[in-house]
Amino acid sequence: MKRLALCFGILLLSLQLFAQDQETVFGYSGLKLTGVWGGPSFAFSGISDRSEYFRGGFGGLEFNKSIYVAYAAYWLNDETELPELDNDVDFRYRGLLLGYAFKPNKIVHPKITTLIGGGEVSIDLGSTVSDQVFVLQPTAGIGINVFKWWHIDVLGGYRLVTGMEEDNSDLLSNSEVSGAFGEIKLRFGISWGWY
């Protein structure tokens, strides 16, 4: 019986020596969780040819030092009054934020991100009229590693908005809510592992 157990043990050991590592999505040679980040966002954009200030925030996970998956939300700092309409407008949106940093170990490095989500545009006409909208917001820019726990992203991009109702298009259209923007993100968090 001892010989049989010894032969079985040697067989298992020899099979282990020739076994190859299996690659998985969340394991060796796949996606590895390497950090947790979050913080505020500050963006400048336009609504109906007026410059507006958006505030926001985000929080998410970093994988393989370069890939970011987060939840982000933005809103107008204050309701804006459109002089041609004499109505107040509020705009809020949120969604999934995906990003990639090229050579994130460098002090200054290029980054790209995309937000995919939805939101609401509200117009005060005595009573509030709201439209649910789809938002796609790609950006490109740079990341700056200030400290290990604090990074700054300086980004620019375009916010594409669709879904404004035809009934409200004479007040505010998709193209008037869409537009180019500049953004600063303050990222706070921790990152671990090697580059």
Protein backbone atom coordinates (compact mmCIF):
# COMPACT_ATOMS: atom_id res chain seq x y z
CA MET A 1 0.00 0.00 0.00
CA LYS A 2 2.87 2.34 0.80
CA ARG A 3 4.44 1.66 -2.59
CA LEU A 4 1.17 2.47 -4.36
CA ALA A 5 0.81 5.75 -2.45
CA LEU A 6 4.47 6.62 -3.18
CA CYS A 7 4.06 5.88 -6.92
CA PHE A 8 0.85 7.95 -7.02
CA GLY A 9 2.60 10.85 -5.25
CA ILE A 10 5.55 10.74 -7.69
CA LEU A 11 3.15 10.67 -10.65
CA LEU A 12 1.27 13.74 -9.38
CA LEU A 13 4.55 15.56 -8.76
CA SER A 14 5.85 14.79 -12.25
CA LEU A 15 2.59 15.96 -13.85
CA GLN A 16 2.85 19.21 -11.89
CA LEU A 17 6.37 19.82 -13.24
CA PHE A 18 5.12 19.66 -16.84
CA ALA A 19 1.86 21.51 -16.28
CA GLN A 20 1.53 24.94 -17.89
CA ASP A 21 0.02 27.93 -16.15
CA GLN A 22 -3.51 28.61 -17.26
CA GLU A 23 -4.20 32.22 -18.23
CA THR A 24 -7.42 33.69 -16.90
CA VAL A 25 -9.08 37.10 -17.13
CA PHE A 26 -8.52 37.88 -13.44
CA GLY A 27 -5.32 36.01 -12.73
CA TYR A 28 -1.85 35.35 -14.01
CA SER A 29 -1.33 37.13 -17.37
CA GLY A 30 -4.82 38.59 -17.13
CA LEU A 31 -6.32 41.60 -15.37
CA LYS A 32 -4.85 42.20 -11.92
CA LEU A 33 -6.34 44.66 -9.50
CA THR A 34 -3.55 47.14 -8.80
CA GLY A 35 -5.26 50.15 -7.24
CA VAL A 36 -8.31 52.06 -6.03
CA TRP A 37 -8.84 55.72 -7.02
CA GLY A 38 -11.46 58.44 -6.69
CA GLY A 39 -11.88 62.16 -6.45
CA PRO A 40 -13.49 65.33 -7.78
CA SER A 41 -13.72 66.55 -11.38
CA PHE A 42 -13.99 70.11 -12.65
CA ALA A 43 -15.02 70.75 -16.26
CA PHE A 44 -15.69 73.79 -18.43
CA SER A 45 -18.05 73.38 -21.34
CA GLY A 46 -20.82 75.15 -23.18
CA ILE A 47 -24.57 74.99 -23.28
CA SER A 48 -26.27 76.95 -26.05
CA ASP A 49 -23.13 79.07 -26.73
CA ARG A 50 -22.61 79.91 -23.04
CA SER A 51 -19.56 78.75 -21.08
CA GLU A 52 -20.60 76.69 -18.09
CA TYR A 53 -18.82 75.12 -15.13
CA PHE A 54 -19.54 71.46 -14.31
CA ARG A 55 -18.61 69.72 -11.07
CA GLY A 56 -18.40 66.00 -10.62
CA GLY A 57 -16.79 63.04 -9.02
CA PHE A 58 -15.66 59.53 -9.75
CA GLY A 59 -14.51 56.37 -8.01
CA GLY A 60 -13.20 53.12 -9.35
CA LEU A 61 -10.60 50.44 -9.78
CA GLU A 62 -7.24 50.28 -11.53
CA PHE A 63 -6.13 47.11 -13.31
CA ASN A 64 -2.60 46.31 -14.53
CA LYS A 65 -1.52 49.88 -13.60
CA SER A 66 -3.03 51.19 -16.85
CA ILE A 67 -6.72 50.32 -17.12
CA TYR A 68 -9.35 52.24 -15.14
CA VAL A 69 -12.97 51.25 -14.60
CA ALA A 70 -15.01 53.75 -12.61
CA TYR A 71 -18.41 55.30 -11.98
CA ALA A 72 -18.54 59.04 -12.68
CA ALA A 73 -21.16 61.78 -12.32
CA TYR A 74 -21.29 65.41 -13.50
CA TRP A 75 -23.73 68.26 -12.92
CA LEU A 76 -23.97 71.95 -13.69
CA ASN A 77 -22.53 73.96 -10.81
CA ASP A 78 -25.61 76.20 -10.87
CA GLU A 79 -28.70 76.21 -13.00
CA THR A 80 -27.89 78.35 -16.00
CA GLU A 81 -30.26 80.93 -17.40
CA LEU A 82 -30.44 81.09 -21.16
CA PRO A 83 -31.10 84.75 -22.02
CA GLU A 84 -32.73 83.97 -25.35
CA LEU A 85 -35.24 81.75 -23.54
CA ASP A 86 -35.38 83.43 -20.13
CA ASN A 87 -35.57 79.92 -18.67
CA ASP A 88 -33.35 78.07 -16.21
CA VAL A 89 -31.64 74.88 -17.42
CA ASP A 90 -30.16 72.10 -15.29
CA PHE A 91 -28.06 69.24 -16.69
CA ARG A 92 -26.85 66.16 -14.80
CA TYR A 93 -25.35 62.95 -16.15
CA ARG A 94 -23.48 59.87 -14.94
CA GLY A 95 -22.17 56.57 -16.19
CA LEU A 96 -19.38 54.08 -16.67
CA LEU A 97 -15.94 55.66 -17.08
CA LEU A 98 -13.31 53.57 -18.88
CA GLY A 99 -9.74 54.78 -19.19
CA TYR A 100 -6.27 53.79 -20.28
CA ALA A 101 -2.96 55.36 -19.27
CA PHE A 102 0.11 54.95 -21.48
CA LYS A 103 3.33 54.45 -19.45
CA PRO A 104 1.68 55.39 -16.12
CA ASN A 105 5.00 55.09 -14.25
CA LYS A 106 6.26 58.28 -15.97
CA ILE A 107 5.67 61.61 -14.17
CA VAL A 108 3.71 62.95 -17.15
CA HIS A 109 1.98 60.39 -19.37
CA PRO A 110 -0.81 60.34 -21.99
CA LYS A 111 -4.30 59.12 -21.12
CA ILE A 112 -7.59 58.42 -22.85
CA THR A 113 -11.00 57.94 -21.24
CA THR A 114 -14.60 57.45 -22.32
CA LEU A 115 -17.75 57.98 -20.29
CA ILE A 116 -20.87 56.11 -21.43
CA GLY A 117 -24.07 56.86 -19.57
CA GLY A 118 -27.24 58.80 -19.26
CA GLY A 119 -28.60 61.90 -17.68
CA GLU A 120 -31.32 64.47 -17.48
CA VAL A 121 -31.74 67.93 -18.98
CA SER A 122 -34.37 69.99 -17.14
CA ILE A 123 -35.85 73.27 -18.38
CA ASP A 124 -37.90 75.44 -16.03
CA LEU A 125 -40.94 76.68 -17.96
CA GLY A 126 -42.96 77.54 -14.87
CA SER A 127 -43.18 73.80 -14.38
CA THR A 128 -40.08 71.71 -15.01
CA VAL A 129 -39.80 69.84 -18.31
CA SER A 130 -37.18 67.08 -18.27
CA ASP A 131 -35.63 64.95 -21.00
CA GLN A 132 -33.72 61.72 -20.38
CA VAL A 133 -30.60 61.74 -22.56
CA PHE A 134 -27.77 59.42 -23.59
CA VAL A 135 -24.22 60.78 -23.11
CA LEU A 136 -20.99 59.62 -24.77
CA GLN A 137 -17.93 61.58 -23.66
CA PRO A 138 -14.50 60.59 -25.05
CA THR A 139 -11.42 62.46 -23.79
CA ALA A 140 -7.66 62.56 -24.27
CA GLY A 141 -4.97 64.32 -22.28
CA ILE A 142 -2.22 63.81 -19.75
CA GLY A 143 -1.85 62.37 -16.28
CA ILE A 144 0.59 63.89 -13.79
CA ASN A 145 1.91 61.82 -10.87
CA VAL A 146 2.24 64.42 -8.08
CA PHE A 147 2.59 61.90 -5.24
CA LYS A 148 2.00 58.16 -5.13
CA TRP A 149 -1.42 58.84 -3.59
CA TRP A 150 -2.35 61.96 -5.61
CA HIS A 151 -2.46 62.29 -9.41
CA ILE A 152 -3.88 65.05 -11.61
CA ASP A 153 -5.49 64.44 -15.02
CA VAL A 154 -5.80 67.30 -17.51
CA LEU A 155 -8.16 66.23 -20.29
CA GLY A 156 -10.11 67.60 -23.21
CA GLY A 157 -12.84 66.01 -25.25
CA TYR A 158 -16.31 66.18 -26.69
CA ARG A 159 -19.63 65.47 -24.97
CA LEU A 160 -22.15 63.95 -27.39
CA VAL A 161 -25.74 64.11 -26.14
CA THR A 162 -28.77 62.53 -27.82
CA GLY A 163 -32.36 62.09 -26.70
CA MET A 164 -33.74 65.62 -26.37
CA GLU A 165 -37.44 65.47 -27.22
CA GLU A 166 -38.59 67.00 -30.49
CA ASP A 167 -41.16 69.05 -28.55
CA ASN A 168 -38.34 70.86 -26.70
CA SER A 169 -35.97 71.24 -29.67
CA ASP A 170 -37.10 74.84 -30.20
CA LEU A 171 -35.96 75.52 -26.60
CA LEU A 172 -32.78 73.42 -26.45
CA SER A 173 -31.49 70.84 -28.94
CA ASN A 174 -29.05 67.92 -28.75
CA SER A 175 -26.36 69.99 -30.47
CA GLU A 176 -26.73 72.85 -27.96
CA VAL A 177 -26.19 70.51 -25.00
CA SER A 178 -23.36 68.63 -26.78
CA GLY A 179 -19.99 70.30 -27.08
CA ALA A 180 -16.25 70.39 -26.48
CA PHE A 181 -14.97 70.65 -22.91
CA GLY A 182 -11.84 70.83 -20.81
CA GLU A 183 -11.53 68.95 -17.52
CA ILE A 184 -9.26 68.59 -14.50
CA LYS A 185 -9.54 65.48 -12.33
CA LEU A 186 -7.89 65.18 -8.92
CA ARG A 187 -7.30 61.47 -8.33
CA PHE A 188 -6.67 60.25 -4.80
CA GLY A 189 -6.00 56.65 -3.89
CA ILE A 190 -3.46 53.89 -3.68
CA SER A 191 -1.73 51.69 -6.19
CA TRP A 192 0.25 48.57 -5.44
CA GLY A 193 2.37 46.02 -7.27
CA TRP A 194 5.10 46.49 -9.84
CA TYR A 195 5.02 48.13 -13.26
